[in-house]
N, C-alpha and C. Protein backbone atom coordinates (compact mmCIF):
# COMPACT_ATOMS: atom_id res chain seq x y z
N MET A 1 21.14 44.65 -44.81
CA MET A 1 22.52 44.15 -45.20
C MET A 1 22.90 44.91 -46.52
N ILE A 2 24.16 45.24 -46.63
CA ILE A 2 24.64 45.94 -47.83
C ILE A 2 25.34 44.89 -48.67
N TYR A 3 24.99 44.80 -49.96
CA TYR A 3 25.61 43.98 -50.86
C TYR A 3 26.67 44.71 -51.69
N ARG A 4 27.57 43.93 -52.32
CA ARG A 4 28.66 44.51 -53.06
C ARG A 4 28.19 45.51 -54.10
N ASP A 5 26.95 45.25 -54.69
CA ASP A 5 26.52 46.16 -55.73
C ASP A 5 25.68 47.32 -55.25
N HIS A 6 25.61 47.42 -53.93
CA HIS A 6 24.91 48.55 -53.31
C HIS A 6 25.75 49.26 -52.26
N THR A 7 25.70 50.60 -52.40
CA THR A 7 26.42 51.40 -51.44
C THR A 7 25.42 52.29 -50.79
N GLU A 8 25.69 52.64 -49.56
CA GLU A 8 24.78 53.57 -48.82
C GLU A 8 25.03 54.96 -49.32
N ALA A 9 23.87 55.68 -49.56
CA ALA A 9 23.95 57.03 -50.19
C ALA A 9 23.39 58.02 -49.14
N CYS A 10 23.81 59.21 -49.12
CA CYS A 10 23.31 60.25 -48.28
C CYS A 10 21.89 60.54 -48.63
N PRO A 11 21.01 60.53 -47.56
CA PRO A 11 19.59 60.77 -47.79
C PRO A 11 19.26 62.25 -48.24
N ARG A 12 20.25 63.16 -47.99
CA ARG A 12 20.03 64.54 -48.37
C ARG A 12 20.57 64.79 -49.81
N CYS A 13 21.75 64.36 -50.12
CA CYS A 13 22.33 64.71 -51.46
C CYS A 13 22.75 63.55 -52.35
N ALA A 14 22.46 62.35 -51.97
CA ALA A 14 22.66 61.14 -52.73
C ALA A 14 24.18 60.81 -52.99
N VAL A 15 25.05 61.44 -52.37
CA VAL A 15 26.50 61.07 -52.47
C VAL A 15 26.76 59.82 -51.65
N ASP A 16 27.61 58.96 -52.20
CA ASP A 16 27.99 57.67 -51.40
C ASP A 16 28.58 58.06 -50.09
N LEU A 17 28.18 57.37 -49.05
CA LEU A 17 28.73 57.58 -47.70
C LEU A 17 30.08 56.86 -47.59
N VAL A 18 30.95 57.49 -46.81
CA VAL A 18 32.30 56.93 -46.65
C VAL A 18 32.49 56.56 -45.19
N ASP A 19 33.34 55.58 -44.93
CA ASP A 19 33.66 55.20 -43.58
C ASP A 19 34.45 56.29 -42.89
N ALA A 20 34.08 56.69 -41.63
CA ALA A 20 34.71 57.66 -40.84
C ALA A 20 34.78 57.20 -39.40
N GLY A 21 35.51 56.09 -39.18
CA GLY A 21 35.64 55.51 -37.88
C GLY A 21 34.33 54.69 -37.63
N SER A 22 33.65 55.07 -36.55
CA SER A 22 32.49 54.26 -36.17
C SER A 22 31.17 54.78 -36.80
N VAL A 23 31.32 55.80 -37.72
CA VAL A 23 30.17 56.29 -38.46
C VAL A 23 30.45 56.24 -39.92
N ARG A 24 29.40 56.39 -40.70
CA ARG A 24 29.63 56.63 -42.15
C ARG A 24 29.11 58.01 -42.39
N ALA A 25 29.81 58.70 -43.29
CA ALA A 25 29.50 60.12 -43.47
C ALA A 25 29.37 60.60 -44.93
N CYS A 26 28.69 61.61 -45.15
CA CYS A 26 28.59 62.31 -46.49
C CYS A 26 29.73 63.32 -46.61
N THR A 27 30.54 63.22 -47.63
CA THR A 27 31.52 64.22 -47.87
C THR A 27 31.09 65.56 -48.43
N ASN A 28 29.85 65.53 -48.89
CA ASN A 28 29.26 66.72 -49.51
C ASN A 28 28.58 67.62 -48.40
N CYS A 29 27.58 67.02 -47.68
CA CYS A 29 26.85 67.77 -46.69
C CYS A 29 27.30 67.62 -45.26
N GLN A 30 28.18 66.69 -45.07
CA GLN A 30 28.84 66.31 -43.83
C GLN A 30 27.74 65.70 -42.80
N GLY A 31 26.71 65.12 -43.36
CA GLY A 31 25.77 64.36 -42.54
C GLY A 31 26.48 63.12 -42.09
N MET A 32 25.93 62.52 -41.00
CA MET A 32 26.54 61.28 -40.40
C MET A 32 25.43 60.16 -40.17
N TRP A 33 25.82 58.94 -40.51
CA TRP A 33 24.92 57.82 -40.35
C TRP A 33 25.58 56.82 -39.36
N LEU A 34 24.87 56.51 -38.24
CA LEU A 34 25.53 55.56 -37.31
C LEU A 34 24.43 54.65 -36.68
N ALA A 35 24.95 53.60 -36.13
CA ALA A 35 24.04 52.62 -35.45
C ALA A 35 23.65 53.22 -34.10
N ALA A 36 22.36 52.81 -33.65
CA ALA A 36 21.94 53.28 -32.45
C ALA A 36 22.77 52.97 -31.19
N ASP A 37 23.40 51.77 -31.25
CA ASP A 37 24.24 51.38 -30.13
C ASP A 37 25.55 52.26 -30.08
N VAL A 38 26.02 52.64 -31.23
CA VAL A 38 27.23 53.59 -31.29
C VAL A 38 26.92 54.87 -30.72
N LEU A 39 25.64 55.41 -30.99
CA LEU A 39 25.24 56.69 -30.42
C LEU A 39 25.13 56.53 -28.91
N THR A 40 24.53 55.47 -28.45
CA THR A 40 24.43 55.28 -27.00
C THR A 40 25.74 55.20 -26.34
N GLU A 41 26.71 54.55 -26.90
CA GLU A 41 28.07 54.49 -26.36
C GLU A 41 28.71 55.87 -26.37
N MET A 42 28.52 56.68 -27.49
CA MET A 42 29.04 58.10 -27.53
C MET A 42 28.47 58.94 -26.35
N VAL A 43 27.16 58.88 -26.20
CA VAL A 43 26.44 59.65 -25.15
C VAL A 43 26.94 59.22 -23.78
N ALA A 44 27.08 57.89 -23.51
CA ALA A 44 27.50 57.39 -22.25
C ALA A 44 28.88 57.82 -21.93
N THR A 45 29.82 58.00 -22.88
CA THR A 45 31.10 58.43 -22.72
C THR A 45 31.11 59.90 -22.30
N MET A 46 30.12 60.71 -22.66
CA MET A 46 30.08 62.12 -22.35
C MET A 46 29.65 62.36 -20.90
N GLN A 47 29.20 61.36 -20.23
CA GLN A 47 28.69 61.49 -18.83
C GLN A 47 29.81 61.71 -17.86
N PRO A 48 29.56 62.47 -16.73
CA PRO A 48 30.63 62.64 -15.74
C PRO A 48 31.29 61.37 -15.33
N GLU A 49 30.50 60.33 -15.12
CA GLU A 49 30.99 58.99 -14.84
C GLU A 49 30.32 58.10 -15.93
N PRO A 50 31.06 57.58 -16.87
CA PRO A 50 30.50 56.78 -17.91
C PRO A 50 29.52 55.78 -17.38
N ARG A 51 28.32 55.77 -18.00
CA ARG A 51 27.28 54.90 -17.53
C ARG A 51 26.27 54.68 -18.69
N TRP A 52 25.41 53.67 -18.59
CA TRP A 52 24.40 53.48 -19.65
C TRP A 52 23.42 54.65 -19.60
N VAL A 53 23.03 55.11 -20.73
CA VAL A 53 22.08 56.24 -20.85
C VAL A 53 20.99 55.79 -21.68
N GLU A 54 19.74 56.02 -21.20
CA GLU A 54 18.54 55.82 -22.03
C GLU A 54 18.27 56.99 -22.83
N LEU A 55 18.31 56.84 -24.15
CA LEU A 55 18.09 58.01 -25.07
C LEU A 55 16.57 58.22 -25.17
N ASP A 56 16.13 59.43 -24.99
CA ASP A 56 14.71 59.77 -24.99
C ASP A 56 14.33 60.36 -26.38
N PHE A 57 13.85 59.55 -27.28
CA PHE A 57 13.41 60.00 -28.57
C PHE A 57 11.97 60.53 -28.46
N GLU A 58 11.68 61.65 -28.97
CA GLU A 58 10.31 62.18 -29.01
C GLU A 58 9.87 62.34 -30.47
N PRO A 59 8.62 62.02 -30.69
CA PRO A 59 8.14 62.13 -32.10
C PRO A 59 8.27 63.50 -32.59
N ASP A 60 8.65 63.69 -33.89
CA ASP A 60 8.81 64.99 -34.46
C ASP A 60 8.24 64.97 -35.92
N PRO A 61 6.95 65.12 -36.02
CA PRO A 61 6.31 65.01 -37.34
C PRO A 61 6.89 66.03 -38.46
N ARG A 62 7.50 65.44 -39.44
CA ARG A 62 8.02 66.27 -40.63
C ARG A 62 8.23 65.24 -41.74
N ALA A 63 8.62 65.80 -42.90
CA ALA A 63 8.81 64.92 -44.09
C ALA A 63 10.00 63.92 -43.77
N PRO A 64 9.77 62.67 -43.97
CA PRO A 64 10.85 61.71 -43.71
C PRO A 64 11.85 61.63 -44.84
N LEU A 65 13.08 61.20 -44.40
CA LEU A 65 14.11 60.89 -45.34
C LEU A 65 14.17 59.42 -45.59
N ALA A 66 14.81 59.01 -46.71
CA ALA A 66 15.03 57.62 -46.99
C ALA A 66 16.19 57.09 -46.19
N CYS A 67 16.05 55.86 -45.69
CA CYS A 67 17.20 55.20 -45.05
C CYS A 67 18.31 54.98 -45.96
N PRO A 68 19.58 55.34 -45.63
CA PRO A 68 20.66 55.12 -46.58
C PRO A 68 20.89 53.65 -46.92
N THR A 69 20.47 52.71 -46.03
CA THR A 69 20.68 51.35 -46.26
C THR A 69 19.55 50.66 -46.98
N CYS A 70 18.28 50.80 -46.56
CA CYS A 70 17.14 50.04 -47.16
C CYS A 70 16.24 51.02 -48.01
N VAL A 71 16.48 52.26 -48.02
CA VAL A 71 15.83 53.30 -48.64
C VAL A 71 14.29 53.47 -48.31
N LYS A 72 13.91 52.81 -47.19
CA LYS A 72 12.53 53.02 -46.78
C LYS A 72 12.53 54.32 -45.98
N PRO A 73 11.31 54.97 -45.88
CA PRO A 73 11.21 56.24 -45.10
C PRO A 73 11.56 55.93 -43.63
N MET A 74 12.37 56.85 -43.15
CA MET A 74 12.80 56.75 -41.73
C MET A 74 11.79 57.50 -40.85
N ALA A 75 11.71 57.12 -39.62
CA ALA A 75 10.84 57.81 -38.62
C ALA A 75 11.48 59.12 -38.24
N THR A 76 10.75 60.13 -38.01
CA THR A 76 11.28 61.43 -37.67
C THR A 76 11.11 61.62 -36.13
N TRP A 77 12.28 61.97 -35.53
CA TRP A 77 12.32 62.10 -34.10
C TRP A 77 13.04 63.35 -33.69
N SER A 78 12.87 63.76 -32.40
CA SER A 78 13.70 64.78 -31.75
C SER A 78 14.50 64.08 -30.60
N LEU A 79 15.81 64.32 -30.60
CA LEU A 79 16.61 63.68 -29.52
C LEU A 79 17.33 64.90 -28.86
N LEU A 80 17.04 65.15 -27.59
CA LEU A 80 17.65 66.24 -26.85
C LEU A 80 17.48 67.57 -27.60
N GLY A 81 16.28 67.69 -28.23
CA GLY A 81 15.94 68.90 -28.89
C GLY A 81 16.52 69.06 -30.33
N VAL A 82 17.15 68.04 -30.79
CA VAL A 82 17.75 67.95 -32.13
C VAL A 82 16.98 67.05 -33.05
N PRO A 83 16.47 67.52 -34.19
CA PRO A 83 15.67 66.71 -35.12
C PRO A 83 16.63 65.62 -35.79
N ILE A 84 16.21 64.41 -35.68
CA ILE A 84 16.95 63.31 -36.29
C ILE A 84 16.00 62.34 -37.06
N ASP A 85 16.62 61.56 -37.83
CA ASP A 85 15.83 60.63 -38.68
C ASP A 85 16.41 59.13 -38.25
N ARG A 86 15.48 58.27 -38.07
CA ARG A 86 15.89 56.90 -37.65
C ARG A 86 15.23 55.76 -38.28
N CYS A 87 15.99 54.82 -38.78
CA CYS A 87 15.52 53.57 -39.30
C CYS A 87 15.70 52.58 -38.13
N ASP A 88 14.63 52.00 -37.70
CA ASP A 88 14.73 51.04 -36.58
C ASP A 88 15.64 49.84 -36.86
N ASP A 89 15.74 49.51 -38.09
CA ASP A 89 16.57 48.40 -38.47
C ASP A 89 18.07 48.67 -38.77
N HIS A 90 18.33 50.01 -39.20
CA HIS A 90 19.70 50.26 -39.66
C HIS A 90 20.49 51.38 -38.94
N GLY A 91 19.81 52.43 -38.44
CA GLY A 91 20.58 53.40 -37.79
C GLY A 91 20.00 54.82 -37.69
N ILE A 92 20.77 55.80 -37.41
CA ILE A 92 20.22 57.17 -37.19
C ILE A 92 21.06 58.09 -38.03
N TRP A 93 20.28 59.01 -38.72
CA TRP A 93 20.93 59.99 -39.57
C TRP A 93 21.00 61.34 -38.83
N PHE A 94 22.18 61.97 -38.81
CA PHE A 94 22.31 63.31 -38.28
C PHE A 94 22.81 64.24 -39.41
N ASP A 95 22.12 65.35 -39.57
CA ASP A 95 22.55 66.34 -40.55
C ASP A 95 23.80 66.98 -39.95
N HIS A 96 24.41 67.85 -40.73
CA HIS A 96 25.70 68.58 -40.35
C HIS A 96 25.48 69.20 -38.95
N ASP A 97 26.40 68.91 -38.09
CA ASP A 97 26.51 69.43 -36.69
C ASP A 97 25.49 68.94 -35.69
N GLU A 98 24.54 68.09 -36.13
CA GLU A 98 23.56 67.60 -35.19
C GLU A 98 24.09 66.64 -34.21
N LEU A 99 25.01 65.78 -34.65
CA LEU A 99 25.60 64.82 -33.71
C LEU A 99 26.40 65.63 -32.65
N GLU A 100 27.12 66.61 -33.03
CA GLU A 100 27.85 67.41 -32.09
C GLU A 100 26.83 68.07 -31.09
N GLN A 101 25.71 68.56 -31.57
CA GLN A 101 24.75 69.18 -30.69
C GLN A 101 24.20 68.17 -29.67
N VAL A 102 23.91 66.95 -30.10
CA VAL A 102 23.45 65.90 -29.18
C VAL A 102 24.50 65.55 -28.15
N LEU A 103 25.73 65.42 -28.60
CA LEU A 103 26.76 65.09 -27.69
C LEU A 103 27.08 66.18 -26.68
N ARG A 104 27.01 67.49 -27.09
CA ARG A 104 27.23 68.65 -26.22
C ARG A 104 26.09 68.68 -25.16
N THR A 105 24.87 68.50 -25.64
CA THR A 105 23.67 68.60 -24.78
C THR A 105 23.71 67.42 -23.79
N SER A 106 24.14 66.24 -24.23
CA SER A 106 24.13 65.05 -23.30
C SER A 106 25.23 65.28 -22.26
N ALA A 107 26.23 66.03 -22.51
CA ALA A 107 27.34 66.29 -21.55
C ALA A 107 27.02 67.27 -20.48
N GLU A 108 25.94 68.02 -20.69
CA GLU A 108 25.49 68.97 -19.68
C GLU A 108 24.65 68.23 -18.62
N PRO A 109 24.94 68.48 -17.38
CA PRO A 109 24.15 67.84 -16.27
C PRO A 109 22.73 68.38 -16.30
N ALA A 110 21.75 67.58 -15.95
CA ALA A 110 20.38 68.05 -15.81
C ALA A 110 20.31 69.03 -14.65
N ALA A 111 19.56 70.09 -14.88
CA ALA A 111 19.34 71.12 -13.82
C ALA A 111 18.38 70.67 -12.74
N PRO A 112 18.73 70.81 -11.50
CA PRO A 112 17.83 70.38 -10.41
C PRO A 112 16.59 71.26 -10.49
N ILE A 113 15.41 70.66 -10.17
CA ILE A 113 14.15 71.45 -10.23
C ILE A 113 14.12 72.51 -9.12
N ASP A 114 13.70 73.73 -9.46
CA ASP A 114 13.57 74.83 -8.52
C ASP A 114 14.87 75.28 -7.83
N VAL A 115 15.96 74.97 -8.38
CA VAL A 115 17.27 75.40 -7.83
C VAL A 115 17.93 76.20 -8.91
N PRO A 116 18.19 77.50 -8.68
CA PRO A 116 18.86 78.30 -9.67
C PRO A 116 20.29 77.80 -9.93
N GLN A 117 20.70 77.86 -11.19
CA GLN A 117 22.06 77.50 -11.54
C GLN A 117 23.02 78.60 -11.33
N PRO A 118 24.25 78.27 -10.85
CA PRO A 118 25.20 79.34 -10.67
C PRO A 118 25.62 79.94 -12.03
N GLU A 119 25.91 81.17 -12.06
CA GLU A 119 26.35 81.89 -13.27
C GLU A 119 27.60 81.27 -13.97
N PRO A 120 28.73 81.16 -13.29
CA PRO A 120 29.90 80.59 -13.94
C PRO A 120 29.70 79.09 -14.14
N ALA A 121 30.30 78.64 -15.30
CA ALA A 121 30.25 77.25 -15.65
C ALA A 121 31.28 76.56 -14.77
N ASP A 122 30.83 75.38 -14.27
CA ASP A 122 31.82 74.53 -13.48
C ASP A 122 32.79 73.87 -14.46
N GLU A 123 33.96 73.64 -13.96
CA GLU A 123 35.06 73.08 -14.86
C GLU A 123 34.71 71.64 -15.43
N PRO A 124 34.14 70.74 -14.62
CA PRO A 124 33.87 69.39 -15.19
C PRO A 124 32.82 69.51 -16.34
N THR A 125 31.82 70.37 -16.24
CA THR A 125 30.84 70.52 -17.28
C THR A 125 31.47 71.11 -18.57
N THR A 126 32.27 72.10 -18.35
CA THR A 126 32.99 72.74 -19.46
C THR A 126 33.94 71.77 -20.13
N ARG A 127 34.58 70.95 -19.41
CA ARG A 127 35.55 69.94 -19.94
C ARG A 127 34.73 68.94 -20.79
N ARG A 128 33.61 68.48 -20.24
CA ARG A 128 32.82 67.44 -20.96
C ARG A 128 32.30 68.01 -22.23
N ARG A 129 31.90 69.29 -22.26
CA ARG A 129 31.39 69.91 -23.43
C ARG A 129 32.54 70.08 -24.48
N ARG A 130 33.67 70.39 -24.04
CA ARG A 130 34.86 70.56 -24.95
C ARG A 130 35.22 69.11 -25.43
N GLU A 131 35.10 68.07 -24.65
CA GLU A 131 35.39 66.74 -25.16
C GLU A 131 34.38 66.27 -26.18
N ALA A 132 33.15 66.66 -25.91
CA ALA A 132 32.13 66.28 -26.91
C ALA A 132 32.32 67.00 -28.26
N ALA A 133 32.66 68.20 -28.24
CA ALA A 133 32.92 68.98 -29.43
C ALA A 133 34.15 68.48 -30.12
N ALA A 134 35.22 68.14 -29.34
CA ALA A 134 36.43 67.56 -29.93
C ALA A 134 36.15 66.20 -30.64
N PHE A 135 35.28 65.41 -29.99
CA PHE A 135 34.93 64.08 -30.51
C PHE A 135 34.28 64.28 -31.91
N ALA A 136 33.29 65.13 -31.92
CA ALA A 136 32.58 65.37 -33.20
C ALA A 136 33.48 65.93 -34.22
N VAL A 137 34.35 66.92 -33.86
CA VAL A 137 35.35 67.50 -34.81
C VAL A 137 36.23 66.39 -35.35
N GLY A 138 36.72 65.50 -34.45
CA GLY A 138 37.59 64.35 -34.94
C GLY A 138 36.86 63.57 -36.03
N ILE A 139 35.54 63.29 -35.83
CA ILE A 139 34.89 62.45 -36.80
C ILE A 139 34.77 63.29 -38.09
N ARG A 140 34.56 64.60 -38.06
CA ARG A 140 34.44 65.47 -39.19
C ARG A 140 35.77 65.48 -39.89
N ARG A 141 36.88 65.53 -39.15
CA ARG A 141 38.24 65.56 -39.80
C ARG A 141 38.48 64.21 -40.58
N ARG A 142 38.04 63.09 -39.96
CA ARG A 142 38.18 61.84 -40.68
C ARG A 142 37.46 61.85 -41.99
N VAL A 143 36.24 62.53 -41.98
CA VAL A 143 35.47 62.58 -43.25
C VAL A 143 36.19 63.43 -44.23
N ILE A 144 36.80 64.55 -43.83
CA ILE A 144 37.44 65.42 -44.69
C ILE A 144 38.72 64.71 -45.24
N ASP A 145 39.45 64.06 -44.31
CA ASP A 145 40.67 63.24 -44.76
C ASP A 145 40.31 62.21 -45.82
N ARG A 146 39.20 61.53 -45.59
CA ARG A 146 38.75 60.48 -46.48
C ARG A 146 38.44 61.08 -47.79
N GLN A 147 37.74 62.28 -47.80
CA GLN A 147 37.37 62.96 -49.04
C GLN A 147 38.63 63.36 -49.74
N GLN A 148 39.67 63.89 -49.06
CA GLN A 148 40.91 64.27 -49.72
C GLN A 148 41.66 63.05 -50.28
N ASP A 149 41.64 61.88 -49.61
CA ASP A 149 42.18 60.69 -50.05
C ASP A 149 41.59 60.29 -51.37
N MET A 150 40.24 60.38 -51.44
CA MET A 150 39.50 59.96 -52.61
C MET A 150 39.83 60.90 -53.78
N THR A 151 40.01 62.25 -53.49
CA THR A 151 40.34 63.19 -54.49
C THR A 151 41.69 62.90 -55.08
N HIS A 152 42.68 62.60 -54.18
CA HIS A 152 44.05 62.34 -54.63
C HIS A 152 44.10 61.04 -55.48
N VAL A 153 43.30 60.02 -55.11
CA VAL A 153 43.38 58.79 -55.86
C VAL A 153 42.84 59.08 -57.31
N GLY A 154 41.79 59.86 -57.43
CA GLY A 154 41.22 60.10 -58.70
C GLY A 154 41.97 61.15 -59.57
N SER A 155 43.00 61.80 -58.97
CA SER A 155 43.70 62.87 -59.65
C SER A 155 44.79 62.26 -60.54
N ALA A 156 44.88 62.80 -61.76
CA ALA A 156 45.92 62.43 -62.65
C ALA A 156 47.28 62.97 -62.31
N THR A 157 47.29 63.98 -61.45
CA THR A 157 48.57 64.62 -61.13
C THR A 157 49.27 63.98 -59.90
N ARG A 158 48.64 63.06 -59.26
CA ARG A 158 49.23 62.40 -58.07
C ARG A 158 49.03 60.92 -58.16
N ASP A 159 50.11 60.21 -57.89
CA ASP A 159 50.06 58.77 -57.84
C ASP A 159 49.38 58.35 -56.56
N PRO A 160 48.37 57.44 -56.57
CA PRO A 160 47.72 57.07 -55.32
C PRO A 160 48.61 56.44 -54.29
N MET A 161 49.67 55.75 -54.78
CA MET A 161 50.61 55.08 -53.85
C MET A 161 51.93 55.84 -53.94
N PRO A 162 52.43 56.45 -52.78
CA PRO A 162 53.64 57.14 -52.86
C PRO A 162 54.87 56.13 -53.11
N ARG A 163 55.82 56.65 -53.80
CA ARG A 163 57.00 55.80 -54.13
C ARG A 163 57.87 55.74 -52.81
N PRO A 164 58.60 54.74 -52.59
CA PRO A 164 59.45 54.60 -51.30
C PRO A 164 60.37 55.74 -51.19
N ASP A 165 60.86 56.31 -52.30
CA ASP A 165 61.81 57.42 -52.23
C ASP A 165 61.25 58.83 -52.06
N GLU A 166 59.90 58.93 -52.05
CA GLU A 166 59.29 60.31 -51.93
C GLU A 166 58.33 60.33 -50.70
N PRO A 167 58.31 61.50 -50.06
CA PRO A 167 57.54 61.65 -48.85
C PRO A 167 56.05 61.65 -49.24
N GLU A 168 55.22 61.22 -48.26
CA GLU A 168 53.77 61.12 -48.47
C GLU A 168 53.14 62.46 -48.62
């Protein structure tokens, strides 16, 4: 639980995390912090027919990061070939572009065993990969917008609240 006198900080660069839709993000390194159920929902959405997806976390021994919420060391895992850090109580940390990698990989259908894949990409797979990338880019844009909003609020040259007679 987060209390008023405690904010979640990036485990990489210690910058306070900001809300960016269903995730919290670092405006400095662009890492993302989200709940496991949010990730499961994102991955399910990337499937050809949305369905429940069991995420296959594999142990990945390396130096742990501190949980942004409780600051205890997180477990280190690999998810779809992407190294991630996970606190069982609070969420999953993705470094810059790792969430996008997981979503893109999850959008690709599993290759049948012993059957060669055709050279040209089929349109549904390409569309799902584009949707996964667009989703991750949308989150990244919200982080950048939030960062710009915070910069403008702290700026002496701009009023944080526009006057009714001036454009935003």
